[in-house]
Amino acid sequence: MEGGFNFPFGGDPDDLMRGLREFAEKQAESVQEAQREQFATLTLNTAVELTGAALKRLDVSGDPGEQAIALRDAMRVLFPEAVALVSAARQGFMRE
């Protein structure tokens, strides 16, 4: 090789570095996507578990009309919280 050096892996060192950089960027994107999906899944599971746990704690008594009112009152409190968690999960699934 005239005027150069013998690179042990063959090819141009700049091309190799460019290829490694592109590979690293793709890997980083892959990891970020996996983290977003994991966050979204955990958030959805949390919303379901918290809502279910709260509903199980209700002691609903009375006639069916009174029970319906008690459940509606509970959902007025629980629903906004669950929606907030689901919204956070959706943002985790969305790409920027």
PDB file of N, CA and C in Angstrom:
ATOM      1  N   MET A   1       0.839  -1.182   0.000  1.00  0.00           N
ATOM      2  CA  MET A   1       0.000   0.000   0.000  1.00  0.00           C
ATOM      3  C   MET A   1       0.880   1.239   0.000  1.00  0.00           C
ATOM      4  N   GLU A   2       0.760   2.018  -0.994  1.00  0.00           N
ATOM      5  CA  GLU A   2       1.547   3.227  -1.077  1.00  0.00           C
ATOM      6  C   GLU A   2       0.830   4.369  -0.376  1.00  0.00           C
ATOM      7  N   GLY A   3       1.545   5.087   0.464  1.00  0.00           N
ATOM      8  CA  GLY A   3       1.008   6.277   1.098  1.00  0.00           C
ATOM      9  C   GLY A   3      -0.090   6.009   2.098  1.00  0.00           C
ATOM     10  N   GLY A   4      -0.258   4.804   2.520  1.00  0.00           N
ATOM     11  CA  GLY A   4      -1.318   4.520   3.477  1.00  0.00           C
ATOM     12  C   GLY A   4      -0.826   3.596   4.554  1.00  0.00           C
ATOM     13  N   PHE A   5      -1.718   3.017   5.265  1.00  0.00           N
ATOM     14  CA  PHE A   5      -1.334   2.050   6.271  1.00  0.00           C
ATOM     15  C   PHE A   5      -2.235   0.838   6.126  1.00  0.00           C
ATOM     16  N   ASN A   6      -1.815  -0.236   6.681  1.00  0.00           N
ATOM     17  CA  ASN A   6      -2.554  -1.486   6.558  1.00  0.00           C
ATOM     18  C   ASN A   6      -3.563  -1.579   7.702  1.00  0.00           C
ATOM     19  N   PHE A   7      -4.815  -1.347   7.396  1.00  0.00           N
ATOM     20  CA  PHE A   7      -5.875  -1.425   8.405  1.00  0.00           C
ATOM     21  C   PHE A   7      -6.261  -2.890   8.559  1.00  0.00           C
ATOM     22  N   PRO A   8      -6.231  -3.444   9.780  1.00  0.00           N
ATOM     23  CA  PRO A   8      -6.387  -4.886   9.948  1.00  0.00           C
ATOM     24  C   PRO A   8      -7.742  -5.448   9.526  1.00  0.00           C
ATOM     25  N   PHE A   9      -8.793  -4.663   9.474  1.00  0.00           N
ATOM     26  CA  PHE A   9     -10.116  -5.178   9.127  1.00  0.00           C
ATOM     27  C   PHE A   9     -10.455  -4.970   7.660  1.00  0.00           C
ATOM     28  N   GLY A  10      -9.578  -4.367   6.938  1.00  0.00           N
ATOM     29  CA  GLY A  10      -9.817  -4.101   5.531  1.00  0.00           C
ATOM     30  C   GLY A  10     -10.723  -2.895   5.352  1.00  0.00           C
ATOM     31  N   GLY A  11     -10.629  -2.268   4.203  1.00  0.00           N
ATOM     32  CA  GLY A  11     -11.485  -1.130   3.918  1.00  0.00           C
ATOM     33  C   GLY A  11     -10.957   0.150   4.534  1.00  0.00           C
ATOM     34  N   ASP A  12     -11.710   1.188   4.333  1.00  0.00           N
ATOM     35  CA  ASP A  12     -11.347   2.516   4.802  1.00  0.00           C
ATOM     36  C   ASP A  12     -11.754   2.676   6.268  1.00  0.00           C
ATOM     37  N   PRO A  13     -10.849   3.144   7.128  1.00  0.00           N
ATOM     38  CA  PRO A  13     -11.192   3.330   8.540  1.00  0.00           C
ATOM     39  C   PRO A  13     -12.351   4.313   8.733  1.00  0.00           C
ATOM     40  N   ASP A  14     -12.439   5.326   7.878  1.00  0.00           N
ATOM     41  CA  ASP A  14     -13.546   6.286   7.990  1.00  0.00           C
ATOM     42  C   ASP A  14     -14.882   5.623   7.675  1.00  0.00           C
ATOM     43  N   ASP A  15     -14.875   4.738   6.670  1.00  0.00           N
ATOM     44  CA  ASP A  15     -16.106   3.999   6.351  1.00  0.00           C
ATOM     45  C   ASP A  15     -16.500   3.084   7.500  1.00  0.00           C
ATOM     46  N   LEU A  16     -15.512   2.458   8.105  1.00  0.00           N
ATOM     47  CA  LEU A  16     -15.786   1.578   9.240  1.00  0.00           C
ATOM     48  C   LEU A  16     -16.378   2.372  10.402  1.00  0.00           C
ATOM     49  N   MET A  17     -15.788   3.520  10.699  1.00  0.00           N
ATOM     50  CA  MET A  17     -16.293   4.363  11.796  1.00  0.00           C
ATOM     51  C   MET A  17     -17.703   4.859  11.495  1.00  0.00           C
ATOM     52  N   ARG A  18     -17.956   5.231  10.255  1.00  0.00           N
ATOM     53  CA  ARG A  18     -19.282   5.688   9.859  1.00  0.00           C
ATOM     54  C   ARG A  18     -20.294   4.552  10.040  1.00  0.00           C
ATOM     55  N   GLY A  19     -19.901   3.350   9.612  1.00  0.00           N
ATOM     56  CA  GLY A  19     -20.772   2.189   9.767  1.00  0.00           C
ATOM     57  C   GLY A  19     -21.040   1.864  11.230  1.00  0.00           C
ATOM     58  N   LEU A  20     -20.007   1.943  12.056  1.00  0.00           N
ATOM     59  CA  LEU A  20     -20.179   1.694  13.489  1.00  0.00           C
ATOM     60  C   LEU A  20     -21.078   2.747  14.133  1.00  0.00           C
ATOM     61  N   ARG A  21     -20.913   3.993  13.719  1.00  0.00           N
ATOM     62  CA  ARG A  21     -21.742   5.076  14.251  1.00  0.00           C
ATOM     63  C   ARG A  21     -23.217   4.860  13.884  1.00  0.00           C
ATOM     64  N   GLU A  22     -23.471   4.484  12.628  1.00  0.00           N
ATOM     65  CA  GLU A  22     -24.838   4.222  12.186  1.00  0.00           C
ATOM     66  C   GLU A  22     -25.436   3.044  12.946  1.00  0.00           C
ATOM     67  N   PHE A  23     -24.625   2.000  13.142  1.00  0.00           N
ATOM     68  CA  PHE A  23     -25.086   0.839  13.897  1.00  0.00           C
ATOM     69  C   PHE A  23     -25.449   1.235  15.330  1.00  0.00           C
ATOM     70  N   ALA A  24     -24.588   2.031  15.968  1.00  0.00           N
ATOM     71  CA  ALA A  24     -24.837   2.479  17.343  1.00  0.00           C
ATOM     72  C   ALA A  24     -26.108   3.326  17.422  1.00  0.00           C
ATOM     73  N   GLU A  25     -26.333   4.183  16.433  1.00  0.00           N
ATOM     74  CA  GLU A  25     -27.542   5.013  16.420  1.00  0.00           C
ATOM     75  C   GLU A  25     -28.792   4.150  16.294  1.00  0.00           C
ATOM     76  N   LYS A  26     -28.740   3.137  15.432  1.00  0.00           N
ATOM     77  CA  LYS A  26     -29.886   2.236  15.273  1.00  0.00           C
ATOM     78  C   LYS A  26     -30.153   1.456  16.546  1.00  0.00           C
ATOM     79  N   GLN A  27     -29.085   1.025  17.202  1.00  0.00           N
ATOM     80  CA  GLN A  27     -29.245   0.297  18.458  1.00  0.00           C
ATOM     81  C   GLN A  27     -29.869   1.199  19.522  1.00  0.00           C
ATOM     82  N   ALA A  28     -29.430   2.443  19.583  1.00  0.00           N
ATOM     83  CA  ALA A  28     -29.981   3.386  20.560  1.00  0.00           C
ATOM     84  C   ALA A  28     -31.462   3.622  20.301  1.00  0.00           C
ATOM     85  N   GLU A  29     -31.848   3.761  19.028  1.00  0.00           N
ATOM     86  CA  GLU A  29     -33.261   3.936  18.685  1.00  0.00           C
ATOM     87  C   GLU A  29     -34.065   2.709  19.096  1.00  0.00           C
ATOM     88  N   SER A  30     -33.504   1.549  18.889  1.00  0.00           N
ATOM     89  CA  SER A  30     -34.165   0.292  19.246  1.00  0.00           C
ATOM     90  C   SER A  30     -34.398   0.219  20.753  1.00  0.00           C
ATOM     91  N   VAL A  31     -33.393   0.595  21.513  1.00  0.00           N
ATOM     92  CA  VAL A  31     -33.498   0.571  22.971  1.00  0.00           C
ATOM     93  C   VAL A  31     -34.549   1.577  23.430  1.00  0.00           C
ATOM     94  N   GLN A  32     -34.546   2.761  22.841  1.00  0.00           N
ATOM     95  CA  GLN A  32     -35.530   3.777  23.220  1.00  0.00           C
ATOM     96  C   GLN A  32     -36.949   3.300  22.922  1.00  0.00           C
ATOM     97  N   GLU A  33     -37.149   2.661  21.777  1.00  0.00           N
ATOM     98  CA  GLU A  33     -38.468   2.151  21.418  1.00  0.00           C
ATOM     99  C   GLU A  33     -38.912   1.086  22.415  1.00  0.00           C
ATOM    100  N   ALA A  34     -38.009   0.203  22.779  1.00  0.00           N
ATOM    101  CA  ALA A  34     -38.338  -0.845  23.754  1.00  0.00           C
ATOM    102  C   ALA A  34     -38.682  -0.225  25.104  1.00  0.00           C
ATOM    103  N   GLN A  35     -37.973   0.805  25.496  1.00  0.00           N
ATOM    104  CA  GLN A  35     -38.255   1.475  26.768  1.00  0.00           C
ATOM    105  C   GLN A  35     -39.617   2.159  26.728  1.00  0.00           C
ATOM    106  N   ARG A  36     -39.953   2.794  25.597  1.00  0.00           N
ATOM    107  CA  ARG A  36     -41.273   3.438  25.472  1.00  0.00           C
ATOM    108  C   ARG A  36     -42.386   2.401  25.583  1.00  0.00           C
ATOM    109  N   GLU A  37     -42.205   1.275  24.910  1.00  0.00           N
ATOM    110  CA  GLU A  37     -43.220   0.220  24.953  1.00  0.00           C
ATOM    111  C   GLU A  37     -43.345  -0.360  26.352  1.00  0.00           C
ATOM    112  N   GLN A  38     -42.231  -0.537  27.034  1.00  0.00           N
ATOM    113  CA  GLN A  38     -42.282  -1.067  28.396  1.00  0.00           C
ATOM    114  C   GLN A  38     -42.980  -0.074  29.323  1.00  0.00           C
ATOM    115  N   PHE A  39     -42.671   1.199  29.196  1.00  0.00           N
ATOM    116  CA  PHE A  39     -43.323   2.226  30.009  1.00  0.00           C
ATOM    117  C   PHE A  39     -44.825   2.217  29.761  1.00  0.00           C
ATOM    118  N   ALA A  40     -45.214   2.153  28.496  1.00  0.00           N
ATOM    119  CA  ALA A  40     -46.631   2.171  28.157  1.00  0.00           C
ATOM    120  C   ALA A  40     -47.338   0.944  28.719  1.00  0.00           C
ATOM    121  N   THR A  41     -46.736  -0.214  28.592  1.00  0.00           N
ATOM    122  CA  THR A  41     -47.343  -1.436  29.103  1.00  0.00           C
ATOM    123  C   THR A  41     -47.486  -1.386  30.616  1.00  0.00           C
ATOM    124  N   LEU A  42     -46.446  -0.963  31.295  1.00  0.00           N
ATOM    125  CA  LEU A  42     -46.510  -0.863  32.759  1.00  0.00           C
ATOM    126  C   LEU A  42     -47.556   0.157  33.201  1.00  0.00           C
ATOM    127  N   THR A  43     -47.655   1.244  32.473  1.00  0.00           N
ATOM    128  CA  THR A  43     -48.637   2.280  32.825  1.00  0.00           C
ATOM    129  C   THR A  43     -50.059   1.769  32.634  1.00  0.00           C
ATOM    130  N   LEU A  44     -50.309   1.082  31.521  1.00  0.00           N
ATOM    131  CA  LEU A  44     -51.644   0.507  31.304  1.00  0.00           C
ATOM    132  C   LEU A  44     -51.978  -0.520  32.375  1.00  0.00           C
ATOM    133  N   ASN A  45     -51.031  -1.375  32.692  1.00  0.00           N
ATOM    134  CA  ASN A  45     -51.267  -2.375  33.737  1.00  0.00           C
ATOM    135  C   ASN A  45     -51.561  -1.708  35.078  1.00  0.00           C
ATOM    136  N   THR A  46     -50.855  -0.639  35.373  1.00  0.00           N
ATOM    137  CA  THR A  46     -51.088   0.096  36.618  1.00  0.00           C
ATOM    138  C   THR A  46     -52.494   0.676  36.648  1.00  0.00           C
ATOM    139  N   ALA A  47     -52.934   1.254  35.546  1.00  0.00           N
ATOM    140  CA  ALA A  47     -54.288   1.816  35.481  1.00  0.00           C
ATOM    141  C   ALA A  47     -55.331   0.739  35.745  1.00  0.00           C
ATOM    142  N   VAL A  48     -55.169  -0.422  35.125  1.00  0.00           N
ATOM    143  CA  VAL A  48     -56.134  -1.509  35.297  1.00  0.00           C
ATOM    144  C   VAL A  48     -56.111  -2.017  36.733  1.00  0.00           C
ATOM    145  N   GLU A  49     -54.916  -2.242  37.268  1.00  0.00           N
ATOM    146  CA  GLU A  49     -54.797  -2.778  38.629  1.00  0.00           C
ATOM    147  C   GLU A  49     -55.341  -1.811  39.670  1.00  0.00           C
ATOM    148  N   LEU A  50     -55.014  -0.531  39.539  1.00  0.00           N
ATOM    149  CA  LEU A  50     -55.502   0.444  40.511  1.00  0.00           C
ATOM    150  C   LEU A  50     -57.018   0.599  40.461  1.00  0.00           C
ATOM    151  N   THR A  51     -57.563   0.624  39.266  1.00  0.00           N
ATOM    152  CA  THR A  51     -59.018   0.745  39.134  1.00  0.00           C
ATOM    153  C   THR A  51     -59.702  -0.489  39.707  1.00  0.00           C
ATOM    154  N   GLY A  52     -59.192  -1.675  39.370  1.00  0.00           N
ATOM    155  CA  GLY A  52     -59.768  -2.911  39.900  1.00  0.00           C
ATOM    156  C   GLY A  52     -59.671  -2.979  41.412  1.00  0.00           C
ATOM    157  N   ALA A  53     -58.521  -2.605  41.964  1.00  0.00           N
ATOM    158  CA  ALA A  53     -58.340  -2.640  43.414  1.00  0.00           C
ATOM    159  C   ALA A  53     -59.281  -1.662  44.107  1.00  0.00           C
ATOM    160  N   ALA A  54     -59.447  -0.492  43.526  1.00  0.00           N
ATOM    161  CA  ALA A  54     -60.347   0.500  44.135  1.00  0.00           C
ATOM    162  C   ALA A  54     -61.794   0.016  44.100  1.00  0.00           C
ATOM    163  N   LEU A  55     -62.199  -0.575  42.989  1.00  0.00           N
ATOM    164  CA  LEU A  55     -63.577  -1.066  42.893  1.00  0.00           C
ATOM    165  C   LEU A  55     -63.830  -2.228  43.854  1.00  0.00           C
ATOM    166  N   LYS A  56     -62.829  -3.055  44.088  1.00  0.00           N
ATOM    167  CA  LYS A  56     -62.985  -4.170  45.024  1.00  0.00           C
ATOM    168  C   LYS A  56     -63.167  -3.689  46.457  1.00  0.00           C
ATOM    169  N   ARG A  57     -62.641  -2.517  46.751  1.00  0.00           N
ATOM    170  CA  ARG A  57     -62.743  -1.992  48.114  1.00  0.00           C
ATOM    171  C   ARG A  57     -64.106  -1.378  48.406  1.00  0.00           C
ATOM    172  N   LEU A  58     -64.890  -1.174  47.374  1.00  0.00           N
ATOM    173  CA  LEU A  58     -66.202  -0.578  47.583  1.00  0.00           C
ATOM    174  C   LEU A  58     -67.112  -1.541  48.337  1.00  0.00           C
ATOM    175  N   ASP A  59     -67.838  -0.996  49.263  1.00  0.00           N
ATOM    176  CA  ASP A  59     -68.841  -1.779  49.984  1.00  0.00           C
ATOM    177  C   ASP A  59     -70.195  -1.230  49.562  1.00  0.00           C
ATOM    178  N   VAL A  60     -70.698  -1.813  48.503  1.00  0.00           N
ATOM    179  CA  VAL A  60     -71.943  -1.321  47.915  1.00  0.00           C
ATOM    180  C   VAL A  60     -73.110  -2.093  48.527  1.00  0.00           C
ATOM    181  N   SER A  61     -74.025  -1.352  49.106  1.00  0.00           N
ATOM    182  CA  SER A  61     -75.200  -2.000  49.704  1.00  0.00           C
ATOM    183  C   SER A  61     -76.441  -1.231  49.287  1.00  0.00           C
ATOM    184  N   GLY A  62     -77.565  -1.787  49.607  1.00  0.00           N
ATOM    185  CA  GLY A  62     -78.827  -1.158  49.263  1.00  0.00           C
ATOM    186  C   GLY A  62     -79.451  -1.806  48.050  1.00  0.00           C
ATOM    187  N   ASP A  63     -80.516  -1.185  47.591  1.00  0.00           N
ATOM    188  CA  ASP A  63     -81.201  -1.731  46.413  1.00  0.00           C
ATOM    189  C   ASP A  63     -80.372  -1.442  45.160  1.00  0.00           C
ATOM    190  N   PRO A  64     -80.732  -2.040  44.043  1.00  0.00           N
ATOM    191  CA  PRO A  64     -79.934  -1.844  42.817  1.00  0.00           C
ATOM    192  C   PRO A  64     -79.725  -0.385  42.440  1.00  0.00           C
ATOM    193  N   GLY A  65     -80.707   0.458  42.657  1.00  0.00           N
ATOM    194  CA  GLY A  65     -80.567   1.883  42.348  1.00  0.00           C
ATOM    195  C   GLY A  65     -79.509   2.545  43.215  1.00  0.00           C
ATOM    196  N   GLU A  66     -79.495   2.215  44.499  1.00  0.00           N
ATOM    197  CA  GLU A  66     -78.493   2.772  45.414  1.00  0.00           C
ATOM    198  C   GLU A  66     -77.094   2.251  45.075  1.00  0.00           C
ATOM    199  N   GLN A  67     -77.025   0.981  44.694  1.00  0.00           N
ATOM    200  CA  GLN A  67     -75.739   0.413  44.303  1.00  0.00           C
ATOM    201  C   GLN A  67     -75.193   1.100  43.045  1.00  0.00           C
ATOM    202  N   ALA A  68     -76.083   1.350  42.094  1.00  0.00           N
ATOM    203  CA  ALA A  68     -75.670   2.018  40.858  1.00  0.00           C
ATOM    204  C   ALA A  68     -75.143   3.421  41.156  1.00  0.00           C
ATOM    205  N   ILE A  69     -75.807   4.132  42.041  1.00  0.00           N
ATOM    206  CA  ILE A  69     -75.364   5.480  42.408  1.00  0.00           C
ATOM    207  C   ILE A  69     -73.990   5.430  43.076  1.00  0.00           C
ATOM    208  N   ALA A  70     -73.792   4.467  43.968  1.00  0.00           N
ATOM    209  CA  ALA A  70     -72.508   4.335  44.660  1.00  0.00           C
ATOM    210  C   ALA A  70     -71.384   4.024  43.660  1.00  0.00           C
ATOM    211  N   LEU A  71     -71.665   3.139  42.711  1.00  0.00           N
ATOM    212  CA  LEU A  71     -70.645   2.805  41.711  1.00  0.00           C
ATOM    213  C   LEU A  71     -70.345   3.996  40.800  1.00  0.00           C
ATOM    214  N   ARG A  72     -71.401   4.732  40.423  1.00  0.00           N
ATOM    215  CA  ARG A  72     -71.178   5.925  39.598  1.00  0.00           C
ATOM    216  C   ARG A  72     -70.357   6.965  40.336  1.00  0.00           C
ATOM    217  N   ASP A  73     -70.635   7.154  41.621  1.00  0.00           N
ATOM    218  CA  ASP A  73     -69.856   8.111  42.412  1.00  0.00           C
ATOM    219  C   ASP A  73     -68.384   7.705  42.476  1.00  0.00           C
ATOM    220  N   ALA A  74     -68.157   6.418  42.659  1.00  0.00           N
ATOM    221  CA  ALA A  74     -66.776   5.933  42.709  1.00  0.00           C
ATOM    222  C   ALA A  74     -66.089   6.141  41.364  1.00  0.00           C
ATOM    223  N   MET A  75     -66.784   5.870  40.281  1.00  0.00           N
ATOM    224  CA  MET A  75     -66.187   6.024  38.954  1.00  0.00           C
ATOM    225  C   MET A  75     -65.907   7.485  38.625  1.00  0.00           C
ATOM    226  N   ARG A  76     -66.658   8.404  39.187  1.00  0.00           N
ATOM    227  CA  ARG A  76     -66.370   9.828  38.981  1.00  0.00           C
ATOM    228  C   ARG A  76     -64.982  10.191  39.507  1.00  0.00           C
ATOM    229  N   VAL A  77     -64.552   9.490  40.546  1.00  0.00           N
ATOM    230  CA  VAL A  77     -63.229   9.727  41.107  1.00  0.00           C
ATOM    231  C   VAL A  77     -62.184   8.889  40.376  1.00  0.00           C
ATOM    232  N   LEU A  78     -62.500   7.620  40.118  1.00  0.00           N
ATOM    233  CA  LEU A  78     -61.531   6.695  39.537  1.00  0.00           C
ATOM    234  C   LEU A  78     -61.272   6.950  38.054  1.00  0.00           C
ATOM    235  N   PHE A  79     -62.304   7.269  37.309  1.00  0.00           N
ATOM    236  CA  PHE A  79     -62.166   7.381  35.863  1.00  0.00           C
ATOM    237  C   PHE A  79     -61.135   8.424  35.432  1.00  0.00           C
ATOM    238  N   PRO A  80     -61.171   9.637  35.984  1.00  0.00           N
ATOM    239  CA  PRO A  80     -60.155  10.624  35.562  1.00  0.00           C
ATOM    240  C   PRO A  80     -58.723  10.160  35.838  1.00  0.00           C
ATOM    241  N   GLU A  81     -58.529   9.457  36.952  1.00  0.00           N
ATOM    242  CA  GLU A  81     -57.192   8.962  37.271  1.00  0.00           C
ATOM    243  C   GLU A  81     -56.761   7.895  36.267  1.00  0.00           C
ATOM    244  N   ALA A  82     -57.671   6.997  35.936  1.00  0.00           N
ATOM    245  CA  ALA A  82     -57.362   5.949  34.967  1.00  0.00           C
ATOM    246  C   ALA A  82     -57.087   6.561  33.592  1.00  0.00           C
ATOM    247  N   VAL A  83     -57.858   7.562  33.210  1.00  0.00           N
ATOM    248  CA  VAL A  83     -57.654   8.220  31.915  1.00  0.00           C
ATOM    249  C   VAL A  83     -56.278   8.893  31.871  1.00  0.00           C
ATOM    250  N   ALA A  84     -55.869   9.494  32.968  1.00  0.00           N
ATOM    251  CA  ALA A  84     -54.552  10.138  33.012  1.00  0.00           C
ATOM    252  C   ALA A  84     -53.451   9.103  32.798  1.00  0.00           C
ATOM    253  N   LEU A  85     -53.591   7.933  33.417  1.00  0.00           N
ATOM    254  CA  LEU A  85     -52.583   6.879  33.228  1.00  0.00           C
ATOM    255  C   LEU A  85     -52.592   6.347  31.800  1.00  0.00           C
ATOM    256  N   VAL A  86     -53.771   6.173  31.237  1.00  0.00           N
ATOM    257  CA  VAL A  86     -53.862   5.674  29.859  1.00  0.00           C
ATOM    258  C   VAL A  86     -53.277   6.707  28.892  1.00  0.00           C
ATOM    259  N   SER A  87     -53.508   7.982  29.150  1.00  0.00           N
ATOM    260  CA  SER A  87     -52.925   9.026  28.301  1.00  0.00           C
ATOM    261  C   SER A  87     -51.401   8.982  28.355  1.00  0.00           C
ATOM    262  N   ALA A  88     -50.867   8.781  29.547  1.00  0.00           N
ATOM    263  CA  ALA A  88     -49.415   8.662  29.681  1.00  0.00           C
ATOM    264  C   ALA A  88     -48.910   7.444  28.912  1.00  0.00           C
ATOM    265  N   ALA A  89     -49.662   6.369  28.952  1.00  0.00           N
ATOM    266  CA  ALA A  89     -49.273   5.158  28.225  1.00  0.00           C
ATOM    267  C   ALA A  89     -49.299   5.399  26.725  1.00  0.00           C
ATOM    268  N   ARG A  90     -50.315   6.086  26.245  1.00  0.00           N
ATOM    269  CA  ARG A  90     -50.399   6.380  24.808  1.00  0.00           C
ATOM    270  C   ARG A  90     -49.204   7.200  24.370  1.00  0.00           C
ATOM    271  N   GLN A  91     -48.793   8.148  25.191  1.00  0.00           N
ATOM    272  CA  GLN A  91     -47.624   8.954  24.842  1.00  0.00           C
ATOM    273  C   GLN A  91     -46.378   8.078  24.781  1.00  0.00           C
ATOM    274  N   GLY A  92     -46.346   7.048  25.601  1.00  0.00           N
ATOM    275  CA  GLY A  92     -45.223   6.125  25.554  1.00  0.00           C
ATOM    276  C   GLY A  92     -45.185   5.331  24.267  1.00  0.00           C
ATOM    277  N   PHE A  93     -46.342   5.064  23.675  1.00  0.00           N
ATOM    278  CA  PHE A  93     -46.398   4.316  22.418  1.00  0.00           C
ATOM    279  C   PHE A  93     -46.134   5.205  21.211  1.00  0.00           C
ATOM    280  N   MET A  94     -46.398   6.493  21.354  1.00  0.00           N
ATOM    281  CA  MET A  94     -46.265   7.394  20.210  1.00  0.00           C
ATOM    282  C   MET A  94     -44.800   7.724  19.976  1.00  0.00           C
ATOM    283  N   ARG A  95     -44.435   7.792  18.714  1.00  0.00           N
ATOM    284  CA  ARG A  95     -43.070   8.198  18.359  1.00  0.00           C
ATOM    285  C   ARG A  95     -43.015   9.704  18.255  1.00  0.00           C
ATOM    286  N   GLU A  96     -41.868  10.223  18.568  1.00  0.00           N
ATOM    287  CA  GLU A  96     -41.686  11.674  18.472  1.00  0.00           C
ATOM    288  C   GLU A  96     -41.302  12.051  17.073  1.00  0.00           C
TER     289      GLU A  96
END
